[in-house]
Amino acid sequence: MTYGSSNADNAIQHNLQPVGVYECEVKLKFRLLEESLVDCDREQLLQLVVDAFAYGSDEYLETLHTEVAVQQVSELEASPEMRRQLIRLRNANCTK
């Protein structure tokens, strides 16, 4: 542990890390006690499931399987919008 460093110092060091494009795949399998999910649209269902999983296992959620894969990919695989944001982030880091 380093004494004398502040959260601001840590935040600055974190922001100086190189920014890249990552492809992330998350597979979750769990049982959820909930009111009918049949009427939910895809976005509502995804938000409900992510919120429930983020809250953690309890008497309403039982995790069966979790798999996470992350890999860095070429910037050219990102959308034009993401590439522009990547340039902005890198430019912001250069000015610090």
PDB file of N, CA and C in Angstrom:
ATOM      1  N   MET A   1       0.843  -1.183   0.000  1.00  0.00           N
ATOM      2  CA  MET A   1       0.000   0.000   0.000  1.00  0.00           C
ATOM      3  C   MET A   1       0.883   1.239   0.000  1.00  0.00           C
ATOM      4  N   THR A   2       0.549   2.186  -0.831  1.00  0.00           N
ATOM      5  CA  THR A   2       1.308   3.422  -0.904  1.00  0.00           C
ATOM      6  C   THR A   2       0.629   4.473  -0.052  1.00  0.00           C
ATOM      7  N   TYR A   3       1.378   5.036   0.879  1.00  0.00           N
ATOM      8  CA  TYR A   3       0.824   6.079   1.733  1.00  0.00           C
ATOM      9  C   TYR A   3       1.060   7.427   1.084  1.00  0.00           C
ATOM     10  N   GLY A   4       0.145   8.345   1.317  1.00  0.00           N
ATOM     11  CA  GLY A   4       0.306   9.694   0.812  1.00  0.00           C
ATOM     12  C   GLY A   4      -0.289   9.914  -0.564  1.00  0.00           C
ATOM     13  N   SER A   5      -0.763   8.863  -1.222  1.00  0.00           N
ATOM     14  CA  SER A   5      -1.402   9.074  -2.520  1.00  0.00           C
ATOM     15  C   SER A   5      -2.894   9.282  -2.304  1.00  0.00           C
ATOM     16  N   SER A   6      -3.445  10.178  -3.067  1.00  0.00           N
ATOM     17  CA  SER A   6      -4.863  10.490  -2.914  1.00  0.00           C
ATOM     18  C   SER A   6      -5.674   9.788  -3.986  1.00  0.00           C
ATOM     19  N   ASN A   7      -6.988   9.811  -3.821  1.00  0.00           N
ATOM     20  CA  ASN A   7      -7.871   9.255  -4.842  1.00  0.00           C
ATOM     21  C   ASN A   7      -7.719  10.006  -6.153  1.00  0.00           C
ATOM     22  N   ALA A   8      -7.453  11.304  -6.079  1.00  0.00           N
ATOM     23  CA  ALA A   8      -7.258  12.096  -7.297  1.00  0.00           C
ATOM     24  C   ALA A   8      -6.034  11.603  -8.059  1.00  0.00           C
ATOM     25  N   ASP A   9      -4.946  11.293  -7.326  1.00  0.00           N
ATOM     26  CA  ASP A   9      -3.745  10.759  -7.979  1.00  0.00           C
ATOM     27  C   ASP A   9      -4.059   9.439  -8.671  1.00  0.00           C
ATOM     28  N   ASN A  10      -4.807   8.581  -7.989  1.00  0.00           N
ATOM     29  CA  ASN A  10      -5.172   7.294  -8.571  1.00  0.00           C
ATOM     30  C   ASN A  10      -6.046   7.483  -9.802  1.00  0.00           C
ATOM     31  N   ALA A  11      -6.968   8.438  -9.760  1.00  0.00           N
ATOM     32  CA  ALA A  11      -7.844   8.700 -10.902  1.00  0.00           C
ATOM     33  C   ALA A  11      -7.035   9.195 -12.092  1.00  0.00           C
ATOM     34  N   ILE A  12      -6.059  10.053 -11.850  1.00  0.00           N
ATOM     35  CA  ILE A  12      -5.219  10.563 -12.935  1.00  0.00           C
ATOM     36  C   ILE A  12      -4.409   9.427 -13.540  1.00  0.00           C
ATOM     37  N   GLN A  13      -3.821   8.579 -12.700  1.00  0.00           N
ATOM     38  CA  GLN A  13      -3.041   7.459 -13.208  1.00  0.00           C
ATOM     39  C   GLN A  13      -3.929   6.519 -14.014  1.00  0.00           C
ATOM     40  N   HIS A  14      -5.161   6.290 -13.543  1.00  0.00           N
ATOM     41  CA  HIS A  14      -6.079   5.412 -14.260  1.00  0.00           C
ATOM     42  C   HIS A  14      -6.413   5.996 -15.632  1.00  0.00           C
ATOM     43  N   ASN A  15      -6.612   7.315 -15.703  1.00  0.00           N
ATOM     44  CA  ASN A  15      -6.951   7.958 -16.963  1.00  0.00           C
ATOM     45  C   ASN A  15      -5.800   7.938 -17.954  1.00  0.00           C
ATOM     46  N   LEU A  16      -4.572   7.773 -17.485  1.00  0.00           N
ATOM     47  CA  LEU A  16      -3.423   7.749 -18.377  1.00  0.00           C
ATOM     48  C   LEU A  16      -3.186   6.372 -18.987  1.00  0.00           C
ATOM     49  N   GLN A  17      -3.955   5.386 -18.559  1.00  0.00           N
ATOM     50  CA  GLN A  17      -3.835   4.056 -19.135  1.00  0.00           C
ATOM     51  C   GLN A  17      -4.286   4.106 -20.594  1.00  0.00           C
ATOM     52  N   PRO A  18      -3.630   3.341 -21.462  1.00  0.00           N
ATOM     53  CA  PRO A  18      -4.046   3.341 -22.862  1.00  0.00           C
ATOM     54  C   PRO A  18      -5.485   2.827 -22.999  1.00  0.00           C
ATOM     55  N   VAL A  19      -6.221   3.476 -23.872  1.00  0.00           N
ATOM     56  CA  VAL A  19      -7.611   3.101 -24.110  1.00  0.00           C
ATOM     57  C   VAL A  19      -7.648   2.255 -25.364  1.00  0.00           C
ATOM     58  N   GLY A  20      -8.370   1.157 -25.322  1.00  0.00           N
ATOM     59  CA  GLY A  20      -8.476   0.279 -26.475  1.00  0.00           C
ATOM     60  C   GLY A  20      -9.902  -0.155 -26.695  1.00  0.00           C
ATOM     61  N   VAL A  21     -10.103  -0.945 -27.715  1.00  0.00           N
ATOM     62  CA  VAL A  21     -11.414  -1.489 -28.046  1.00  0.00           C
ATOM     63  C   VAL A  21     -11.418  -2.954 -27.633  1.00  0.00           C
ATOM     64  N   TYR A  22     -12.416  -3.325 -26.871  1.00  0.00           N
ATOM     65  CA  TYR A  22     -12.511  -4.683 -26.362  1.00  0.00           C
ATOM     66  C   TYR A  22     -13.838  -5.300 -26.759  1.00  0.00           C
ATOM     67  N   GLU A  23     -13.786  -6.561 -27.098  1.00  0.00           N
ATOM     68  CA  GLU A  23     -14.997  -7.316 -27.375  1.00  0.00           C
ATOM     69  C   GLU A  23     -15.252  -8.182 -26.152  1.00  0.00           C
ATOM     70  N   CYS A  24     -16.428  -8.032 -25.595  1.00  0.00           N
ATOM     71  CA  CYS A  24     -16.770  -8.735 -24.362  1.00  0.00           C
ATOM     72  C   CYS A  24     -17.973  -9.634 -24.604  1.00  0.00           C
ATOM     73  N   GLU A  25     -17.870 -10.848 -24.124  1.00  0.00           N
ATOM     74  CA  GLU A  25     -18.981 -11.788 -24.227  1.00  0.00           C
ATOM     75  C   GLU A  25     -19.281 -12.296 -22.827  1.00  0.00           C
ATOM     76  N   VAL A  26     -20.532 -12.171 -22.438  1.00  0.00           N
ATOM     77  CA  VAL A  26     -20.960 -12.612 -21.118  1.00  0.00           C
ATOM     78  C   VAL A  26     -22.117 -13.582 -21.305  1.00  0.00           C
ATOM     79  N   LYS A  27     -21.969 -14.758 -20.736  1.00  0.00           N
ATOM     80  CA  LYS A  27     -23.052 -15.743 -20.761  1.00  0.00           C
ATOM     81  C   LYS A  27     -23.480 -15.979 -19.322  1.00  0.00           C
ATOM     82  N   LEU A  28     -24.747 -15.749 -19.081  1.00  0.00           N
ATOM     83  CA  LEU A  28     -25.302 -15.935 -17.745  1.00  0.00           C
ATOM     84  C   LEU A  28     -26.459 -16.913 -17.832  1.00  0.00           C
ATOM     85  N   LYS A  29     -26.497 -17.796 -16.895  1.00  0.00           N
ATOM     86  CA  LYS A  29     -27.641 -18.693 -16.794  1.00  0.00           C
ATOM     87  C   LYS A  29     -28.050 -18.703 -15.335  1.00  0.00           C
ATOM     88  N   PHE A  30     -29.296 -18.341 -15.088  1.00  0.00           N
ATOM     89  CA  PHE A  30     -29.776 -18.301 -13.715  1.00  0.00           C
ATOM     90  C   PHE A  30     -31.279 -18.438 -13.689  1.00  0.00           C
ATOM     91  N   ARG A  31     -31.779 -18.733 -12.516  1.00  0.00           N
ATOM     92  CA  ARG A  31     -33.223 -18.795 -12.291  1.00  0.00           C
ATOM     93  C   ARG A  31     -33.621 -17.555 -11.527  1.00  0.00           C
ATOM     94  N   LEU A  32     -34.755 -16.988 -11.924  1.00  0.00           N
ATOM     95  CA  LEU A  32     -35.205 -15.733 -11.349  1.00  0.00           C
ATOM     96  C   LEU A  32     -36.676 -15.836 -10.983  1.00  0.00           C
ATOM     97  N   LEU A  33     -37.000 -15.487  -9.750  1.00  0.00           N
ATOM     98  CA  LEU A  33     -38.395 -15.378  -9.339  1.00  0.00           C
ATOM     99  C   LEU A  33     -38.845 -13.959  -9.641  1.00  0.00           C
ATOM    100  N   GLU A  34     -39.832 -13.831 -10.507  1.00  0.00           N
ATOM    101  CA  GLU A  34     -40.279 -12.507 -10.944  1.00  0.00           C
ATOM    102  C   GLU A  34     -41.700 -12.631 -11.458  1.00  0.00           C
ATOM    103  N   GLU A  35     -42.399 -11.505 -11.474  1.00  0.00           N
ATOM    104  CA  GLU A  35     -43.710 -11.489 -12.110  1.00  0.00           C
ATOM    105  C   GLU A  35     -43.518 -11.787 -13.586  1.00  0.00           C
ATOM    106  N   SER A  36     -44.585 -12.009 -14.295  1.00  0.00           N
ATOM    107  CA  SER A  36     -44.525 -12.408 -15.700  1.00  0.00           C
ATOM    108  C   SER A  36     -43.576 -11.527 -16.508  1.00  0.00           C
ATOM    109  N   LEU A  37     -42.659 -12.165 -17.198  1.00  0.00           N
ATOM    110  CA  LEU A  37     -41.704 -11.458 -18.054  1.00  0.00           C
ATOM    111  C   LEU A  37     -42.123 -11.510 -19.520  1.00  0.00           C
ATOM    112  N   VAL A  38     -43.242 -12.170 -19.801  1.00  0.00           N
ATOM    113  CA  VAL A  38     -43.685 -12.357 -21.179  1.00  0.00           C
ATOM    114  C   VAL A  38     -44.025 -11.024 -21.842  1.00  0.00           C
ATOM    115  N   ASP A  39     -44.566 -10.076 -21.084  1.00  0.00           N
ATOM    116  CA  ASP A  39     -44.996  -8.797 -21.651  1.00  0.00           C
ATOM    117  C   ASP A  39     -43.864  -7.780 -21.795  1.00  0.00           C
ATOM    118  N   CYS A  40     -42.677  -8.087 -21.298  1.00  0.00           N
ATOM    119  CA  CYS A  40     -41.551  -7.146 -21.371  1.00  0.00           C
ATOM    120  C   CYS A  40     -40.970  -7.128 -22.782  1.00  0.00           C
ATOM    121  N   ASP A  41     -40.563  -5.932 -23.231  1.00  0.00           N
ATOM    122  CA  ASP A  41     -39.817  -5.892 -24.485  1.00  0.00           C
ATOM    123  C   ASP A  41     -38.364  -6.260 -24.178  1.00  0.00           C
ATOM    124  N   ARG A  42     -37.571  -6.405 -25.206  1.00  0.00           N
ATOM    125  CA  ARG A  42     -36.187  -6.878 -25.048  1.00  0.00           C
ATOM    126  C   ARG A  42     -35.370  -5.980 -24.127  1.00  0.00           C
ATOM    127  N   GLU A  43     -35.491  -4.655 -24.295  1.00  0.00           N
ATOM    128  CA  GLU A  43     -34.716  -3.714 -23.479  1.00  0.00           C
ATOM    129  C   GLU A  43     -35.129  -3.774 -22.010  1.00  0.00           C
ATOM    130  N   GLN A  44     -36.429  -3.844 -21.748  1.00  0.00           N
ATOM    131  CA  GLN A  44     -36.912  -3.942 -20.366  1.00  0.00           C
ATOM    132  C   GLN A  44     -36.415  -5.226 -19.722  1.00  0.00           C
ATOM    133  N   LEU A  45     -36.509  -6.316 -20.471  1.00  0.00           N
ATOM    134  CA  LEU A  45     -36.074  -7.609 -19.954  1.00  0.00           C
ATOM    135  C   LEU A  45     -34.581  -7.608 -19.661  1.00  0.00           C
ATOM    136  N   LEU A  46     -33.795  -7.069 -20.567  1.00  0.00           N
ATOM    137  CA  LEU A  46     -32.347  -7.008 -20.360  1.00  0.00           C
ATOM    138  C   LEU A  46     -32.009  -6.173 -19.132  1.00  0.00           C
ATOM    139  N   GLN A  47     -32.662  -5.023 -18.969  1.00  0.00           N
ATOM    140  CA  GLN A  47     -32.416  -4.166 -17.808  1.00  0.00           C
ATOM    141  C   GLN A  47     -32.795  -4.880 -16.515  1.00  0.00           C
ATOM    142  N   LEU A  48     -33.923  -5.565 -16.511  1.00  0.00           N
ATOM    143  CA  LEU A  48     -34.367  -6.296 -15.328  1.00  0.00           C
ATOM    144  C   LEU A  48     -33.374  -7.397 -14.967  1.00  0.00           C
ATOM    145  N   VAL A  49     -32.926  -8.136 -15.965  1.00  0.00           N
ATOM    146  CA  VAL A  49     -32.002  -9.246 -15.734  1.00  0.00           C
ATOM    147  C   VAL A  49     -30.650  -8.739 -15.244  1.00  0.00           C
ATOM    148  N   VAL A  50     -30.128  -7.684 -15.859  1.00  0.00           N
ATOM    149  CA  VAL A  50     -28.834  -7.129 -15.435  1.00  0.00           C
ATOM    150  C   VAL A  50     -28.929  -6.594 -14.009  1.00  0.00           C
ATOM    151  N   ASP A  51     -30.005  -5.876 -13.698  1.00  0.00           N
ATOM    152  CA  ASP A  51     -30.189  -5.361 -12.335  1.00  0.00           C
ATOM    153  C   ASP A  51     -30.249  -6.492 -11.322  1.00  0.00           C
ATOM    154  N   ALA A  52     -31.010  -7.529 -11.641  1.00  0.00           N
ATOM    155  CA  ALA A  52     -31.144  -8.662 -10.721  1.00  0.00           C
ATOM    156  C   ALA A  52     -29.802  -9.348 -10.515  1.00  0.00           C
ATOM    157  N   PHE A  53     -29.061  -9.554 -11.598  1.00  0.00           N
ATOM    158  CA  PHE A  53     -27.774 -10.237 -11.480  1.00  0.00           C
ATOM    159  C   PHE A  53     -26.760  -9.379 -10.737  1.00  0.00           C
ATOM    160  N   ALA A  54     -26.782  -8.074 -10.973  1.00  0.00           N
ATOM    161  CA  ALA A  54     -25.855  -7.166 -10.288  1.00  0.00           C
ATOM    162  C   ALA A  54     -26.125  -7.138  -8.790  1.00  0.00           C
ATOM    163  N   TYR A  55     -27.371  -7.287  -8.410  1.00  0.00           N
ATOM    164  CA  TYR A  55     -27.733  -7.294  -6.993  1.00  0.00           C
ATOM    165  C   TYR A  55     -27.149  -8.518  -6.299  1.00  0.00           C
ATOM    166  N   GLY A  56     -27.069  -9.630  -7.014  1.00  0.00           N
ATOM    167  CA  GLY A  56     -26.451 -10.831  -6.465  1.00  0.00           C
ATOM    168  C   GLY A  56     -27.455 -11.910  -6.129  1.00  0.00           C
ATOM    169  N   SER A  57     -26.925 -13.090  -5.883  1.00  0.00           N
ATOM    170  CA  SER A  57     -27.778 -14.225  -5.554  1.00  0.00           C
ATOM    171  C   SER A  57     -28.473 -14.001  -4.225  1.00  0.00           C
ATOM    172  N   ASP A  58     -29.725 -14.326  -4.198  1.00  0.00           N
ATOM    173  CA  ASP A  58     -30.520 -14.280  -2.979  1.00  0.00           C
ATOM    174  C   ASP A  58     -31.665 -15.271  -3.152  1.00  0.00           C
ATOM    175  N   GLU A  59     -32.731 -15.121  -2.385  1.00  0.00           N
ATOM    176  CA  GLU A  59     -33.837 -16.067  -2.500  1.00  0.00           C
ATOM    177  C   GLU A  59     -34.649 -15.871  -3.781  1.00  0.00           C
ATOM    178  N   TYR A  60     -34.372 -14.804  -4.540  1.00  0.00           N
ATOM    179  CA  TYR A  60     -35.077 -14.545  -5.793  1.00  0.00           C
ATOM    180  C   TYR A  60     -34.241 -14.859  -7.029  1.00  0.00           C
ATOM    181  N   LEU A  61     -32.954 -15.056  -6.858  1.00  0.00           N
ATOM    182  CA  LEU A  61     -32.074 -15.305  -7.992  1.00  0.00           C
ATOM    183  C   LEU A  61     -31.081 -16.398  -7.636  1.00  0.00           C
ATOM    184  N   GLU A  62     -31.004 -17.382  -8.494  1.00  0.00           N
ATOM    185  CA  GLU A  62     -30.087 -18.505  -8.294  1.00  0.00           C
ATOM    186  C   GLU A  62     -29.185 -18.614  -9.527  1.00  0.00           C
ATOM    187  N   THR A  63     -27.901 -18.367  -9.343  1.00  0.00           N
ATOM    188  CA  THR A  63     -26.945 -18.434 -10.449  1.00  0.00           C
ATOM    189  C   THR A  63     -26.633 -19.889 -10.767  1.00  0.00           C
ATOM    190  N   LEU A  64     -26.727 -20.237 -12.040  1.00  0.00           N
ATOM    191  CA  LEU A  64     -26.427 -21.592 -12.486  1.00  0.00           C
ATOM    192  C   LEU A  64     -25.091 -21.667 -13.222  1.00  0.00           C
ATOM    193  N   HIS A  65     -24.786 -20.643 -14.028  1.00  0.00           N
ATOM    194  CA  HIS A  65     -23.550 -20.664 -14.822  1.00  0.00           C
ATOM    195  C   HIS A  65     -23.182 -19.235 -15.212  1.00  0.00           C
ATOM    196  N   THR A  66     -21.900 -18.919 -15.119  1.00  0.00           N
ATOM    197  CA  THR A  66     -21.396 -17.612 -15.533  1.00  0.00           C
ATOM    198  C   THR A  66     -20.120 -17.822 -16.339  1.00  0.00           C
ATOM    199  N   GLU A  67     -20.058 -17.180 -17.493  1.00  0.00           N
ATOM    200  CA  GLU A  67     -18.872 -17.268 -18.346  1.00  0.00           C
ATOM    201  C   GLU A  67     -18.599 -15.884 -18.931  1.00  0.00           C
ATOM    202  N   VAL A  68     -17.365 -15.421 -18.806  1.00  0.00           N
ATOM    203  CA  VAL A  68     -16.988 -14.099 -19.303  1.00  0.00           C
ATOM    204  C   VAL A  68     -15.727 -14.234 -20.151  1.00  0.00           C
ATOM    205  N   ALA A  69     -15.760 -13.625 -21.331  1.00  0.00           N
ATOM    206  CA  ALA A  69     -14.586 -13.609 -22.208  1.00  0.00           C
ATOM    207  C   ALA A  69     -14.373 -12.182 -22.696  1.00  0.00           C
ATOM    208  N   VAL A  70     -13.128 -11.707 -22.591  1.00  0.00           N
ATOM    209  CA  VAL A  70     -12.778 -10.356 -23.031  1.00  0.00           C
ATOM    210  C   VAL A  70     -11.525 -10.449 -23.885  1.00  0.00           C
ATOM    211  N   GLN A  71     -11.562  -9.792 -25.038  1.00  0.00           N
ATOM    212  CA  GLN A  71     -10.359  -9.738 -25.869  1.00  0.00           C
ATOM    213  C   GLN A  71     -10.273  -8.385 -26.550  1.00  0.00           C
ATOM    214  N   GLN A  72      -9.060  -7.891 -26.659  1.00  0.00           N
ATOM    215  CA  GLN A  72      -8.847  -6.621 -27.345  1.00  0.00           C
ATOM    216  C   GLN A  72      -8.919  -6.874 -28.845  1.00  0.00           C
ATOM    217  N   VAL A  73      -9.599  -5.969 -29.544  1.00  0.00           N
ATOM    218  CA  VAL A  73      -9.747  -6.106 -30.991  1.00  0.00           C
ATOM    219  C   VAL A  73      -9.200  -4.859 -31.675  1.00  0.00           C
ATOM    220  N   SER A  74      -9.027  -4.958 -32.956  1.00  0.00           N
ATOM    221  CA  SER A  74      -8.536  -3.831 -33.746  1.00  0.00           C
ATOM    222  C   SER A  74      -9.527  -2.676 -33.673  1.00  0.00           C
ATOM    223  N   GLU A  75      -8.994  -1.472 -33.636  1.00  0.00           N
ATOM    224  CA  GLU A  75      -9.847  -0.279 -33.625  1.00  0.00           C
ATOM    225  C   GLU A  75     -10.720  -0.221 -34.868  1.00  0.00           C
ATOM    226  N   LEU A  76     -10.262  -0.815 -35.952  1.00  0.00           N
ATOM    227  CA  LEU A  76     -11.015  -0.791 -37.205  1.00  0.00           C
ATOM    228  C   LEU A  76     -12.300  -1.609 -37.122  1.00  0.00           C
ATOM    229  N   GLU A  77     -12.387  -2.500 -36.136  1.00  0.00           N
ATOM    230  CA  GLU A  77     -13.600  -3.290 -35.958  1.00  0.00           C
ATOM    231  C   GLU A  77     -14.691  -2.509 -35.236  1.00  0.00           C
ATOM    232  N   ALA A  78     -14.331  -1.411 -34.614  1.00  0.00           N
ATOM    233  CA  ALA A  78     -15.308  -0.588 -33.895  1.00  0.00           C
ATOM    234  C   ALA A  78     -16.097   0.261 -34.892  1.00  0.00           C
ATOM    235  N   SER A  79     -17.263   0.677 -34.458  1.00  0.00           N
ATOM    236  CA  SER A  79     -18.091   1.554 -35.292  1.00  0.00           C
ATOM    237  C   SER A  79     -17.407   2.915 -35.428  1.00  0.00           C
ATOM    238  N   PRO A  80     -17.780   3.688 -36.434  1.00  0.00           N
ATOM    239  CA  PRO A  80     -17.209   5.035 -36.570  1.00  0.00           C
ATOM    240  C   PRO A  80     -17.437   5.886 -35.319  1.00  0.00           C
ATOM    241  N   GLU A  81     -18.594   5.736 -34.682  1.00  0.00           N
ATOM    242  CA  GLU A  81     -18.881   6.500 -33.466  1.00  0.00           C
ATOM    243  C   GLU A  81     -17.909   6.135 -32.346  1.00  0.00           C
ATOM    244  N   MET A  82     -17.651   4.835 -32.188  1.00  0.00           N
ATOM    245  CA  MET A  82     -16.713   4.406 -31.144  1.00  0.00           C
ATOM    246  C   MET A  82     -15.294   4.863 -31.457  1.00  0.00           C
ATOM    247  N   ARG A  83     -14.907   4.836 -32.724  1.00  0.00           N
ATOM    248  CA  ARG A  83     -13.563   5.291 -33.089  1.00  0.00           C
ATOM    249  C   ARG A  83     -13.393   6.778 -32.797  1.00  0.00           C
ATOM    250  N   ARG A  84     -14.436   7.564 -33.077  1.00  0.00           N
ATOM    251  CA  ARG A  84     -14.362   8.999 -32.756  1.00  0.00           C
ATOM    252  C   ARG A  84     -14.232   9.203 -31.253  1.00  0.00           C
ATOM    253  N   GLN A  85     -14.986   8.439 -30.468  1.00  0.00           N
ATOM    254  CA  GLN A  85     -14.899   8.560 -29.012  1.00  0.00           C
ATOM    255  C   GLN A  85     -13.517   8.144 -28.524  1.00  0.00           C
ATOM    256  N   LEU A  86     -12.952   7.122 -29.117  1.00  0.00           N
ATOM    257  CA  LEU A  86     -11.605   6.672 -28.767  1.00  0.00           C
ATOM    258  C   LEU A  86     -10.590   7.783 -29.025  1.00  0.00           C
ATOM    259  N   ILE A  87     -10.715   8.459 -30.150  1.00  0.00           N
ATOM    260  CA  ILE A  87      -9.819   9.583 -30.465  1.00  0.00           C
ATOM    261  C   ILE A  87      -9.985  10.687 -29.433  1.00  0.00           C
ATOM    262  N   ARG A  88     -11.235  10.996 -29.066  1.00  0.00           N
ATOM    263  CA  ARG A  88     -11.477  12.034 -28.052  1.00  0.00           C
ATOM    264  C   ARG A  88     -10.823  11.665 -26.724  1.00  0.00           C
ATOM    265  N   LEU A  89     -10.979  10.415 -26.312  1.00  0.00           N
ATOM    266  CA  LEU A  89     -10.389   9.974 -25.042  1.00  0.00           C
ATOM    267  C   LEU A  89      -8.871  10.072 -25.077  1.00  0.00           C
ATOM    268  N   ARG A  90      -8.283   9.651 -26.170  1.00  0.00           N
ATOM    269  CA  ARG A  90      -6.826   9.727 -26.284  1.00  0.00           C
ATOM    270  C   ARG A  90      -6.352  11.175 -26.300  1.00  0.00           C
ATOM    271  N   ASN A  91      -7.064  12.040 -27.009  1.00  0.00           N
ATOM    272  CA  ASN A  91      -6.698  13.457 -27.035  1.00  0.00           C
ATOM    273  C   ASN A  91      -6.835  14.079 -25.655  1.00  0.00           C
ATOM    274  N   ALA A  92      -7.851  13.705 -24.913  1.00  0.00           N
ATOM    275  CA  ALA A  92      -8.044  14.228 -23.556  1.00  0.00           C
ATOM    276  C   ALA A  92      -6.909  13.772 -22.647  1.00  0.00           C
ATOM    277  N   ASN A  93      -6.441  12.537 -22.823  1.00  0.00           N
ATOM    278  CA  ASN A  93      -5.331  12.026 -22.014  1.00  0.00           C
ATOM    279  C   ASN A  93      -4.021  12.719 -22.359  1.00  0.00           C
ATOM    280  N   CYS A  94      -3.859  13.128 -23.608  1.00  0.00           N
ATOM    281  CA  CYS A  94      -2.618  13.800 -24.025  1.00  0.00           C
ATOM    282  C   CYS A  94      -2.494  15.191 -23.425  1.00  0.00           C
ATOM    283  N   THR A  95      -3.599  15.828 -23.110  1.00  0.00           N
ATOM    284  CA  THR A  95      -3.560  17.193 -22.587  1.00  0.00           C
ATOM    285  C   THR A  95      -3.312  17.225 -21.093  1.00  0.00           C
ATOM    286  N   LYS A  96      -3.274  16.077 -20.438  1.00  0.00           N
ATOM    287  CA  LYS A  96      -3.072  16.050 -18.977  1.00  0.00           C
ATOM    288  C   LYS A  96      -1.618  15.969 -18.632  1.00  0.00           C
TER     289      LYS A  96
END
